[in-house]
Amino acid sequence: MPEAPSTRTAERSSQERLLAAAKRLFSARGYENTSTAMIAREALTSESQLVKHFGGKEGLLEAIFDDGWNRLAAQFPAIDSMADNRQKLTSMMELILRAFEADPLLKELMLFESRRLRKASSDVMLTRGYRGFLQRIDAILADMEKQGELKRGLSPVAVRSAIIGMIEGLLREQLLYERHQGTEALDAEMVRKMFGLVFVAFTRPGPS
């Protein structure tokens, strides 16, 4: 017998409240200092609902990341349709920066909590959404290498690691400075300028 619409709506509402509550608490208190009881209380639901929908705190954090990446993925087809690889890569980076500007809580969690070791495992938490993002970046860079757009001797994986590492480092430094100094040491435009400088360093000049 199919589930009643009101029941499905209540289930979605419970999940959404749990996601929103966990996002706020993880950002404000940190993952380790936030309990499932706190999250359930903040979401006006029960711990049993949290376990039912997400399996526990780790599953909830992963769901927050996947939700963020899924919203970004909705914009990937527009980037895929671009003909120029340089424009694609720049647009991918701009998409991430704008998403973080629009959602500071997600930005903070991704920068500080997304490289956690999984419980009872040596595996690092890399969500499906993040892996999909990396695959798209790798595909763009592989095509740039094929088209002779990357400087000789540079591997696409090394270039991708340099780009992602630099941007993550800049944004993390920005957040740390805001926390301890109260003002931004690196504003968004400076992050964009730094990406532009690195972009020029690994690409060959395009046709004039």
Protein backbone atom coordinates (compact mmCIF):
# COMPACT_ATOMS: atom_id res chain seq x y z
CA MET A 1 0.00 0.00 0.00
CA PRO A 2 1.55 3.37 -1.04
CA GLU A 3 2.58 5.81 1.61
CA ALA A 4 0.18 8.71 2.18
CA PRO A 5 1.33 12.07 0.72
CA SER A 6 1.13 13.70 4.15
CA THR A 7 3.50 11.05 5.53
CA ARG A 8 6.00 11.59 2.70
CA THR A 9 5.82 15.36 3.26
CA ALA A 10 6.47 14.92 6.97
CA GLU A 11 9.45 12.66 6.21
CA ARG A 12 10.95 15.25 3.85
CA SER A 13 10.33 18.00 6.36
CA SER A 14 12.07 16.02 9.08
CA GLN A 15 15.08 15.37 6.86
CA GLU A 16 15.31 19.00 5.80
CA ARG A 17 15.12 20.21 9.40
CA LEU A 18 17.83 17.76 10.43
CA LEU A 19 20.09 18.89 7.58
CA ALA A 20 19.58 22.56 8.41
CA ALA A 21 20.08 22.05 12.15
CA ALA A 22 23.22 19.97 11.68
CA LYS A 23 24.64 22.51 9.28
CA ARG A 24 24.18 25.31 11.81
CA LEU A 25 25.50 23.34 14.77
CA PHE A 26 28.48 21.76 12.99
CA SER A 27 29.50 25.22 11.80
CA ALA A 28 29.03 26.93 15.16
CA ARG A 29 30.32 24.19 17.51
CA GLY A 30 32.36 21.89 15.30
CA TYR A 31 31.58 18.31 14.32
CA GLU A 32 33.16 16.68 17.36
CA ASN A 33 31.40 19.00 19.82
CA THR A 34 27.95 18.44 18.34
CA SER A 35 25.93 15.44 19.47
CA THR A 36 23.04 13.74 17.72
CA ALA A 37 20.84 14.75 20.66
CA MET A 38 21.67 18.42 20.06
CA ILE A 39 20.87 18.11 16.37
CA ALA A 40 17.56 16.34 16.98
CA ARG A 41 16.55 18.91 19.57
CA GLU A 42 17.45 21.80 17.26
CA ALA A 43 15.48 20.16 14.44
CA LEU A 44 12.43 19.55 16.67
CA THR A 45 12.55 15.82 16.02
CA SER A 46 14.01 12.67 17.56
CA GLU A 47 17.37 10.95 17.42
CA SER A 48 15.61 7.90 16.03
CA GLN A 49 14.54 9.97 13.02
CA LEU A 50 18.13 11.11 12.55
CA VAL A 51 19.37 7.53 12.59
CA LYS A 52 16.53 6.40 10.31
CA HIS A 53 17.30 8.99 7.62
CA PHE A 54 21.08 9.35 7.88
CA GLY A 55 22.43 6.45 9.93
CA GLY A 56 24.16 8.78 12.38
CA LYS A 57 26.19 11.95 12.64
CA GLU A 58 28.71 10.97 9.97
CA GLY A 59 25.96 10.18 7.48
CA LEU A 60 24.34 13.52 8.23
CA LEU A 61 27.57 15.42 7.53
CA GLU A 62 28.02 13.53 4.27
CA ALA A 63 24.42 14.33 3.31
CA ILE A 64 25.09 18.05 3.89
CA PHE A 65 28.03 17.89 1.49
CA ASP A 66 26.11 15.89 -1.11
CA ASP A 67 23.20 18.32 -0.92
CA GLY A 68 25.60 21.19 -1.60
CA TRP A 69 27.27 19.40 -4.50
CA ASN A 70 23.93 18.35 -5.98
CA ARG A 71 22.84 22.00 -6.11
CA LEU A 72 26.07 22.86 -7.88
CA ALA A 73 25.72 19.93 -10.27
CA ALA A 74 22.47 21.41 -11.59
CA GLN A 75 24.61 24.12 -13.20
CA PHE A 76 27.22 21.77 -14.71
CA PRO A 77 25.37 21.16 -18.02
CA ALA A 78 25.61 24.88 -18.90
CA ILE A 79 29.37 24.70 -18.37
CA ASP A 80 29.64 21.45 -20.35
CA SER A 81 28.06 23.21 -23.34
CA MET A 82 30.89 25.77 -23.51
CA ALA A 83 33.28 25.21 -26.39
CA ASP A 84 36.39 26.72 -24.82
CA ASN A 85 38.24 24.67 -22.17
CA ARG A 86 39.69 27.76 -20.51
CA GLN A 87 36.19 29.20 -20.13
CA LYS A 88 34.95 25.88 -18.73
CA LEU A 89 37.67 25.73 -16.09
CA THR A 90 37.25 29.36 -15.09
CA SER A 91 33.48 28.90 -14.89
CA MET A 92 33.86 25.82 -12.66
CA MET A 93 36.04 27.76 -10.23
CA GLU A 94 33.69 30.75 -10.31
CA LEU A 95 30.73 28.46 -9.62
CA ILE A 96 32.41 27.18 -6.45
CA LEU A 97 33.40 30.65 -5.25
CA ARG A 98 29.89 32.04 -5.77
CA ALA A 99 28.32 29.04 -4.03
CA PHE A 100 30.54 29.59 -0.99
CA GLU A 101 29.76 33.31 -0.96
CA ALA A 102 26.03 32.50 -1.00
CA ASP A 103 26.27 29.79 1.68
CA PRO A 104 28.94 30.63 4.31
CA LEU A 105 27.95 27.67 6.52
CA LEU A 106 28.56 25.20 3.70
CA LYS A 107 31.85 26.95 2.92
CA GLU A 108 33.04 26.58 6.50
CA LEU A 109 32.06 22.92 6.75
CA MET A 110 33.61 21.98 3.42
CA LEU A 111 36.87 23.72 4.27
CA PHE A 112 37.21 22.40 7.83
CA GLU A 113 35.28 19.13 8.00
CA SER A 114 35.32 17.55 4.52
CA ARG A 115 38.62 15.68 4.95
CA ARG A 116 37.60 13.73 8.03
CA LEU A 117 38.57 10.09 8.42
CA ARG A 118 35.55 7.83 8.36
CA LYS A 119 34.70 6.16 11.65
CA ALA A 120 36.72 2.99 12.28
CA SER A 121 38.46 3.42 8.93
CA SER A 122 41.51 5.05 7.38
CA ASP A 123 39.43 6.28 4.42
CA VAL A 124 38.93 10.02 4.04
CA MET A 125 35.37 11.25 3.56
CA LEU A 126 35.15 12.09 -0.15
CA THR A 127 31.50 12.37 -1.14
CA ARG A 128 30.02 11.31 -4.47
CA GLY A 129 29.39 14.93 -5.36
CA TYR A 130 32.98 15.96 -4.73
CA ARG A 131 34.34 13.01 -6.70
CA GLY A 132 32.05 13.97 -9.58
CA PHE A 133 33.36 17.53 -9.46
CA LEU A 134 36.97 16.31 -9.58
CA GLN A 135 36.16 14.04 -12.52
CA ARG A 136 34.81 17.02 -14.46
CA ILE A 137 37.90 19.09 -13.70
CA ASP A 138 40.12 16.16 -14.73
CA ALA A 139 38.21 15.74 -18.00
CA ILE A 140 38.63 19.43 -18.86
CA LEU A 141 42.35 19.34 -18.07
CA ALA A 142 42.86 16.07 -19.98
CA ASP A 143 41.29 17.69 -23.05
CA MET A 144 43.46 20.78 -22.56
CA GLU A 145 46.52 18.53 -22.54
CA LYS A 146 45.29 16.79 -25.69
CA GLN A 147 44.70 20.13 -27.42
CA GLY A 148 48.13 21.44 -26.41
CA GLU A 149 46.65 24.07 -24.10
CA LEU A 150 48.65 22.99 -21.05
CA LYS A 151 52.33 23.80 -20.80
CA ARG A 152 54.52 20.85 -21.69
CA GLY A 153 55.60 18.56 -18.90
CA LEU A 154 52.57 19.27 -16.69
CA SER A 155 50.19 16.42 -15.90
CA PRO A 156 46.46 17.19 -15.61
CA VAL A 157 46.35 15.62 -12.13
CA ALA A 158 49.20 17.84 -10.89
CA VAL A 159 47.51 20.93 -12.32
CA ARG A 160 44.18 20.03 -10.75
CA SER A 161 45.81 19.39 -7.38
CA ALA A 162 47.58 22.75 -7.53
CA ILE A 163 44.38 24.64 -8.40
CA ILE A 164 42.16 22.96 -5.81
CA GLY A 165 44.83 23.11 -3.11
CA MET A 166 45.48 26.80 -3.71
CA ILE A 167 41.83 27.81 -3.67
CA GLU A 168 41.06 25.71 -0.58
CA GLY A 169 44.11 27.16 1.17
CA LEU A 170 43.17 30.75 0.36
CA LEU A 171 39.56 30.32 1.48
CA ARG A 172 40.58 28.48 4.66
CA GLU A 173 43.07 31.23 5.49
CA GLN A 174 40.32 33.78 4.88
CA LEU A 175 38.02 32.07 7.37
CA LEU A 176 40.74 31.67 9.99
CA TYR A 177 41.68 35.32 9.76
CA GLU A 178 38.02 36.38 10.08
CA ARG A 179 37.67 34.23 13.21
CA HIS A 180 40.73 35.61 14.96
CA GLN A 181 41.11 39.12 13.56
CA GLY A 182 37.55 40.11 12.75
CA THR A 183 38.31 41.31 9.23
CA GLU A 184 39.09 39.67 5.91
CA ALA A 185 42.75 39.33 4.98
CA LEU A 186 41.75 37.92 1.60
CA ASP A 187 38.58 39.13 -0.06
CA ALA A 188 36.81 37.24 -2.84
CA GLU A 189 38.37 39.33 -5.58
CA MET A 190 41.87 38.56 -4.31
CA VAL A 191 41.09 34.84 -4.47
CA ARG A 192 39.98 35.32 -8.08
CA LYS A 193 43.15 37.25 -8.92
CA MET A 194 45.30 34.48 -7.46
CA PHE A 195 43.46 31.88 -9.53
CA GLY A 196 44.05 34.02 -12.62
CA LEU A 197 47.79 34.16 -11.94
CA VAL A 198 48.03 30.40 -11.47
CA PHE A 199 45.85 29.82 -14.54
CA VAL A 200 48.35 31.73 -16.68
CA ALA A 201 51.24 29.77 -15.14
CA PHE A 202 50.08 26.36 -16.37
CA THR A 203 48.44 27.22 -19.71
CA ARG A 204 49.98 28.03 -23.06
CA PRO A 205 48.88 31.30 -24.68
CA GLY A 206 45.70 30.94 -26.68
CA PRO A 207 45.23 32.24 -30.22
CA SER A 208 45.10 36.02 -30.34
